[in-house]
Amino acid sequence: MDTRRATTIGLILVAGAALAGCAAEPSGSATGSPSPSASTPAPTVSTDAADADEALLPIPVDEIREWAETAVPGSDAEGAGPILSGWLSENTSAHHTADLKSQEAGAYQAQLACRGDGVITLTASGLDEEPSADPIVCENETIAFDITTTATGMRIAMDLEGAPTIYALSLQRLG
């Protein structure tokens, strides 16, 4: 294998590993909780750009899941969905979509926590629906809001503007 090809393959593998921290991952999910599936394609990014973005995060990547457990209500409560957590950056993943395919239809209280110097805009809807409410804008804070779906499944889309930022999102079924 020539050096150029080996270098390209190596960069793709390193970028994939760096992007694994950007994907929404459920943390502390209760047994039987719906699991999200990421549907955002992974962009090609240089390792230097991903490392530079990661260095700007308010906490190390390997501590995001633990922070998420304290930043938003846990998934231990009855009717709770998974806690989604991760990070977004302009150079690695400025847009992330998570499809919660088995999330029951109904009304939910959501909490979004974000930390960092970027601004995350979140929209939520049913899987095949347009968002029915105005986007939620999070800027280094924790926000509570309602989400209502009419069919099984929920789509959460987050867009980042600005500096790398971490997030945690929890869902608690109402009623």
C-alpha atoms as a PDB file:
ATOM      1  CA  MET A   1       0.000   0.000   0.000  1.00  0.00           C
ATOM      2  CA  ASP A   2       1.476   3.398  -0.912  1.00  0.00           C
ATOM      3  CA  THR A   3       2.161   6.033   1.759  1.00  0.00           C
ATOM      4  CA  ARG A   4      -0.508   8.454   0.472  1.00  0.00           C
ATOM      5  CA  ARG A   5      -3.217   5.797   0.621  1.00  0.00           C
ATOM      6  CA  ALA A   6      -2.135   4.640   4.082  1.00  0.00           C
ATOM      7  CA  THR A   7      -2.152   8.263   5.304  1.00  0.00           C
ATOM      8  CA  THR A   8      -5.652   8.835   3.882  1.00  0.00           C
ATOM      9  CA  ILE A   9      -7.000   5.683   5.529  1.00  0.00           C
ATOM     10  CA  GLY A  10      -5.335   6.668   8.805  1.00  0.00           C
ATOM     11  CA  LEU A  11      -6.893  10.150   8.716  1.00  0.00           C
ATOM     12  CA  ILE A  12     -10.335   8.689   8.037  1.00  0.00           C
ATOM     13  CA  LEU A  13     -10.002   6.324  11.011  1.00  0.00           C
ATOM     14  CA  VAL A  14      -8.765   9.088  13.327  1.00  0.00           C
ATOM     15  CA  ALA A  15     -11.542  11.452  12.190  1.00  0.00           C
ATOM     16  CA  GLY A  16     -14.106   8.713  12.812  1.00  0.00           C
ATOM     17  CA  ALA A  17     -12.772   8.198  16.335  1.00  0.00           C
ATOM     18  CA  ALA A  18     -12.832  11.953  16.991  1.00  0.00           C
ATOM     19  CA  LEU A  19     -16.390  12.221  15.727  1.00  0.00           C
ATOM     20  CA  ALA A  20     -17.569   9.448  18.027  1.00  0.00           C
ATOM     21  CA  GLY A  21     -17.576  12.059  20.808  1.00  0.00           C
ATOM     22  CA  CYS A  22     -19.855  14.298  18.745  1.00  0.00           C
ATOM     23  CA  ALA A  23     -22.663  11.805  18.335  1.00  0.00           C
ATOM     24  CA  ALA A  24     -25.557  11.849  20.720  1.00  0.00           C
ATOM     25  CA  GLU A  25     -25.315   8.919  23.048  1.00  0.00           C
ATOM     26  CA  PRO A  26     -27.844   7.876  25.615  1.00  0.00           C
ATOM     27  CA  SER A  27     -26.435   7.923  29.115  1.00  0.00           C
ATOM     28  CA  GLY A  28     -27.967   6.155  32.055  1.00  0.00           C
ATOM     29  CA  SER A  29     -30.782   4.754  29.930  1.00  0.00           C
ATOM     30  CA  ALA A  30     -33.259   2.631  31.791  1.00  0.00           C
ATOM     31  CA  THR A  31     -33.873  -0.858  30.507  1.00  0.00           C
ATOM     32  CA  GLY A  32     -36.293  -0.730  27.617  1.00  0.00           C
ATOM     33  CA  SER A  33     -35.659   2.963  26.894  1.00  0.00           C
ATOM     34  CA  PRO A  34     -35.680   3.845  23.223  1.00  0.00           C
ATOM     35  CA  SER A  35     -32.248   4.079  21.700  1.00  0.00           C
ATOM     36  CA  PRO A  36     -31.417   6.975  19.414  1.00  0.00           C
ATOM     37  CA  SER A  37     -29.941   6.482  15.998  1.00  0.00           C
ATOM     38  CA  ALA A  38     -27.768   9.172  14.531  1.00  0.00           C
ATOM     39  CA  SER A  39     -28.770  10.127  11.037  1.00  0.00           C
ATOM     40  CA  THR A  40     -26.290  12.905  10.361  1.00  0.00           C
ATOM     41  CA  PRO A  41     -23.563  11.883   7.893  1.00  0.00           C
ATOM     42  CA  ALA A  42     -20.042  12.237   9.264  1.00  0.00           C
ATOM     43  CA  PRO A  43     -18.097  14.998   7.500  1.00  0.00           C
ATOM     44  CA  THR A  44     -14.477  14.593   6.495  1.00  0.00           C
ATOM     45  CA  VAL A  45     -12.367  16.598   8.920  1.00  0.00           C
ATOM     46  CA  SER A  46      -8.680  16.952   9.649  1.00  0.00           C
ATOM     47  CA  THR A  47      -7.390  15.512  12.891  1.00  0.00           C
ATOM     48  CA  ASP A  48      -5.807  18.858  13.769  1.00  0.00           C
ATOM     49  CA  ALA A  49      -9.178  20.669  13.435  1.00  0.00           C
ATOM     50  CA  ALA A  50     -10.964  18.062  15.569  1.00  0.00           C
ATOM     51  CA  ASP A  51      -8.244  18.198  18.238  1.00  0.00           C
ATOM     52  CA  ALA A  52      -8.310  22.012  18.250  1.00  0.00           C
ATOM     53  CA  ASP A  53     -12.112  21.997  18.681  1.00  0.00           C
ATOM     54  CA  GLU A  54     -11.948  19.401  21.444  1.00  0.00           C
ATOM     55  CA  ALA A  55      -9.398  21.548  23.317  1.00  0.00           C
ATOM     56  CA  LEU A  56     -11.941  24.420  23.375  1.00  0.00           C
ATOM     57  CA  LEU A  57     -14.637  22.387  25.163  1.00  0.00           C
ATOM     58  CA  PRO A  58     -15.440  23.419  28.747  1.00  0.00           C
ATOM     59  CA  ILE A  59     -14.713  19.869  30.023  1.00  0.00           C
ATOM     60  CA  PRO A  60     -12.843  16.865  28.596  1.00  0.00           C
ATOM     61  CA  VAL A  61     -14.845  14.698  26.187  1.00  0.00           C
ATOM     62  CA  ASP A  62     -14.628  11.635  28.431  1.00  0.00           C
ATOM     63  CA  GLU A  63     -16.393  13.589  31.225  1.00  0.00           C
ATOM     64  CA  ILE A  64     -19.400  14.739  29.156  1.00  0.00           C
ATOM     65  CA  ARG A  65     -21.548  11.710  29.979  1.00  0.00           C
ATOM     66  CA  GLU A  66     -20.963  12.142  33.728  1.00  0.00           C
ATOM     67  CA  TRP A  67     -21.735  15.885  33.474  1.00  0.00           C
ATOM     68  CA  ALA A  68     -24.942  15.101  31.556  1.00  0.00           C
ATOM     69  CA  GLU A  69     -26.201  12.921  34.419  1.00  0.00           C
ATOM     70  CA  THR A  70     -26.045  15.934  36.755  1.00  0.00           C
ATOM     71  CA  ALA A  71     -27.002  18.664  34.238  1.00  0.00           C
ATOM     72  CA  VAL A  72     -30.459  17.303  33.330  1.00  0.00           C
ATOM     73  CA  PRO A  73     -32.909  14.966  35.116  1.00  0.00           C
ATOM     74  CA  GLY A  74     -31.930  11.299  35.015  1.00  0.00           C
ATOM     75  CA  SER A  75     -33.649   8.556  33.106  1.00  0.00           C
ATOM     76  CA  ASP A  76     -34.455   6.586  36.291  1.00  0.00           C
ATOM     77  CA  ALA A  77     -37.847   8.235  36.668  1.00  0.00           C
ATOM     78  CA  GLU A  78     -40.959   6.599  35.262  1.00  0.00           C
ATOM     79  CA  GLY A  79     -41.714   7.892  31.754  1.00  0.00           C
ATOM     80  CA  ALA A  80     -38.179   9.177  31.177  1.00  0.00           C
ATOM     81  CA  GLY A  81     -36.396   8.749  27.892  1.00  0.00           C
ATOM     82  CA  PRO A  82     -32.657   8.458  27.364  1.00  0.00           C
ATOM     83  CA  ILE A  83     -30.309  11.330  28.139  1.00  0.00           C
ATOM     84  CA  LEU A  84     -28.631  12.424  24.938  1.00  0.00           C
ATOM     85  CA  SER A  85     -25.206  13.968  25.392  1.00  0.00           C
ATOM     86  CA  GLY A  86     -22.203  14.925  23.331  1.00  0.00           C
ATOM     87  CA  TRP A  87     -20.567  17.921  21.717  1.00  0.00           C
ATOM     88  CA  LEU A  88     -20.847  19.953  18.556  1.00  0.00           C
ATOM     89  CA  SER A  89     -18.240  22.033  16.733  1.00  0.00           C
ATOM     90  CA  GLU A  90     -18.013  23.857  13.428  1.00  0.00           C
ATOM     91  CA  ASN A  91     -15.052  21.738  12.266  1.00  0.00           C
ATOM     92  CA  THR A  92     -16.379  18.301  13.221  1.00  0.00           C
ATOM     93  CA  SER A  93     -20.158  18.241  13.511  1.00  0.00           C
ATOM     94  CA  ALA A  94     -22.102  21.505  13.571  1.00  0.00           C
ATOM     95  CA  HIS A  95     -25.387  19.667  12.930  1.00  0.00           C
ATOM     96  CA  HIS A  96     -26.645  16.532  14.638  1.00  0.00           C
ATOM     97  CA  THR A  97     -29.911  14.666  14.240  1.00  0.00           C
ATOM     98  CA  ALA A  98     -31.035  11.868  16.571  1.00  0.00           C
ATOM     99  CA  ASP A  99     -34.051   9.718  15.707  1.00  0.00           C
ATOM    100  CA  LEU A 100     -35.681   8.135  18.758  1.00  0.00           C
ATOM    101  CA  LYS A 101     -37.565   5.540  16.745  1.00  0.00           C
ATOM    102  CA  SER A 102     -39.459   3.853  19.582  1.00  0.00           C
ATOM    103  CA  GLN A 103     -40.265   6.949  21.678  1.00  0.00           C
ATOM    104  CA  GLU A 104     -43.981   6.771  22.505  1.00  0.00           C
ATOM    105  CA  ALA A 105     -46.285   9.468  21.151  1.00  0.00           C
ATOM    106  CA  GLY A 106     -47.359  12.059  23.679  1.00  0.00           C
ATOM    107  CA  ALA A 107     -46.360  15.139  25.612  1.00  0.00           C
ATOM    108  CA  TYR A 108     -42.869  15.447  27.114  1.00  0.00           C
ATOM    109  CA  GLN A 109     -41.035  17.884  29.347  1.00  0.00           C
ATOM    110  CA  ALA A 110     -37.547  18.289  27.881  1.00  0.00           C
ATOM    111  CA  GLN A 111     -34.486  19.866  29.423  1.00  0.00           C
ATOM    112  CA  LEU A 112     -31.510  20.986  27.362  1.00  0.00           C
ATOM    113  CA  ALA A 113     -28.246  21.975  29.021  1.00  0.00           C
ATOM    114  CA  CYS A 114     -25.393  23.433  26.995  1.00  0.00           C
ATOM    115  CA  ARG A 115     -22.006  24.677  28.100  1.00  0.00           C
ATOM    116  CA  GLY A 116     -19.444  26.467  25.983  1.00  0.00           C
ATOM    117  CA  ASP A 117     -19.231  29.651  23.949  1.00  0.00           C
ATOM    118  CA  GLY A 118     -21.391  28.422  21.057  1.00  0.00           C
ATOM    119  CA  VAL A 119     -25.138  28.630  20.546  1.00  0.00           C
ATOM    120  CA  ILE A 120     -27.145  25.428  19.993  1.00  0.00           C
ATOM    121  CA  THR A 121     -30.509  25.650  18.247  1.00  0.00           C
ATOM    122  CA  LEU A 122     -32.720  22.603  18.825  1.00  0.00           C
ATOM    123  CA  THR A 123     -35.853  21.527  16.969  1.00  0.00           C
ATOM    124  CA  ALA A 124     -37.990  18.536  17.882  1.00  0.00           C
ATOM    125  CA  SER A 125     -40.731  16.752  15.961  1.00  0.00           C
ATOM    126  CA  GLY A 126     -42.229  13.408  15.131  1.00  0.00           C
ATOM    127  CA  LEU A 127     -40.107  11.355  12.731  1.00  0.00           C
ATOM    128  CA  ASP A 128     -42.112  12.336   9.642  1.00  0.00           C
ATOM    129  CA  GLU A 129     -43.325  15.729  10.824  1.00  0.00           C
ATOM    130  CA  GLU A 130     -42.122  19.295  10.623  1.00  0.00           C
ATOM    131  CA  PRO A 131     -41.302  20.894  13.991  1.00  0.00           C
ATOM    132  CA  SER A 132     -44.523  22.306  15.439  1.00  0.00           C
ATOM    133  CA  ALA A 133     -42.906  24.785  17.822  1.00  0.00           C
ATOM    134  CA  ASP A 134     -40.308  27.513  17.528  1.00  0.00           C
ATOM    135  CA  PRO A 135     -36.698  26.359  17.831  1.00  0.00           C
ATOM    136  CA  ILE A 136     -35.127  26.283  21.288  1.00  0.00           C
ATOM    137  CA  VAL A 137     -31.949  28.357  21.540  1.00  0.00           C
ATOM    138  CA  CYS A 138     -29.424  27.366  24.212  1.00  0.00           C
ATOM    139  CA  GLU A 139     -26.477  29.575  25.094  1.00  0.00           C
ATOM    140  CA  ASN A 140     -24.476  28.307  28.088  1.00  0.00           C
ATOM    141  CA  GLU A 141     -27.610  27.537  30.139  1.00  0.00           C
ATOM    142  CA  THR A 142     -30.247  24.929  30.978  1.00  0.00           C
ATOM    143  CA  ILE A 143     -33.704  25.326  29.419  1.00  0.00           C
ATOM    144  CA  ALA A 144     -36.955  23.426  30.011  1.00  0.00           C
ATOM    145  CA  PHE A 145     -39.565  23.169  27.250  1.00  0.00           C
ATOM    146  CA  ASP A 146     -42.383  20.931  26.024  1.00  0.00           C
ATOM    147  CA  ILE A 147     -42.391  18.529  23.070  1.00  0.00           C
ATOM    148  CA  THR A 148     -45.554  16.827  21.793  1.00  0.00           C
ATOM    149  CA  THR A 149     -45.659  14.103  19.156  1.00  0.00           C
ATOM    150  CA  THR A 150     -48.682  12.406  17.631  1.00  0.00           C
ATOM    151  CA  ALA A 151     -47.063   9.152  16.484  1.00  0.00           C
ATOM    152  CA  THR A 152     -44.354   6.818  17.744  1.00  0.00           C
ATOM    153  CA  GLY A 153     -40.876   8.226  17.232  1.00  0.00           C
ATOM    154  CA  MET A 154     -39.213  11.584  17.748  1.00  0.00           C
ATOM    155  CA  ARG A 155     -36.559  13.524  15.819  1.00  0.00           C
ATOM    156  CA  ILE A 156     -34.210  15.846  17.679  1.00  0.00           C
ATOM    157  CA  ALA A 157     -32.076  18.142  15.492  1.00  0.00           C
ATOM    158  CA  MET A 158     -29.356  20.398  16.890  1.00  0.00           C
ATOM    159  CA  ASP A 159     -27.391  23.053  15.036  1.00  0.00           C
ATOM    160  CA  LEU A 160     -24.362  24.879  16.413  1.00  0.00           C
ATOM    161  CA  GLU A 161     -23.241  28.385  15.668  1.00  0.00           C
ATOM    162  CA  GLY A 162     -19.915  29.462  17.115  1.00  0.00           C
ATOM    163  CA  ALA A 163     -17.423  27.782  19.405  1.00  0.00           C
ATOM    164  CA  PRO A 164     -17.421  24.084  20.345  1.00  0.00           C
ATOM    165  CA  THR A 165     -20.154  23.372  22.898  1.00  0.00           C
ATOM    166  CA  ILE A 166     -21.285  20.365  24.954  1.00  0.00           C
ATOM    167  CA  TYR A 167     -24.936  19.404  25.442  1.00  0.00           C
ATOM    168  CA  ALA A 168     -27.230  17.145  27.456  1.00  0.00           C
ATOM    169  CA  LEU A 169     -30.910  16.565  26.688  1.00  0.00           C
ATOM    170  CA  SER A 170     -33.451  14.663  28.771  1.00  0.00           C
ATOM    171  CA  LEU A 171     -37.095  13.787  28.091  1.00  0.00           C
ATOM    172  CA  GLN A 172     -39.715  13.140  30.770  1.00  0.00           C
ATOM    173  CA  ARG A 173     -43.175  11.942  29.676  1.00  0.00           C
ATOM    174  CA  LEU A 174     -46.019  14.067  31.064  1.00  0.00           C
ATOM    175  CA  GLY A 175     -49.252  12.619  32.378  1.00  0.00           C
END
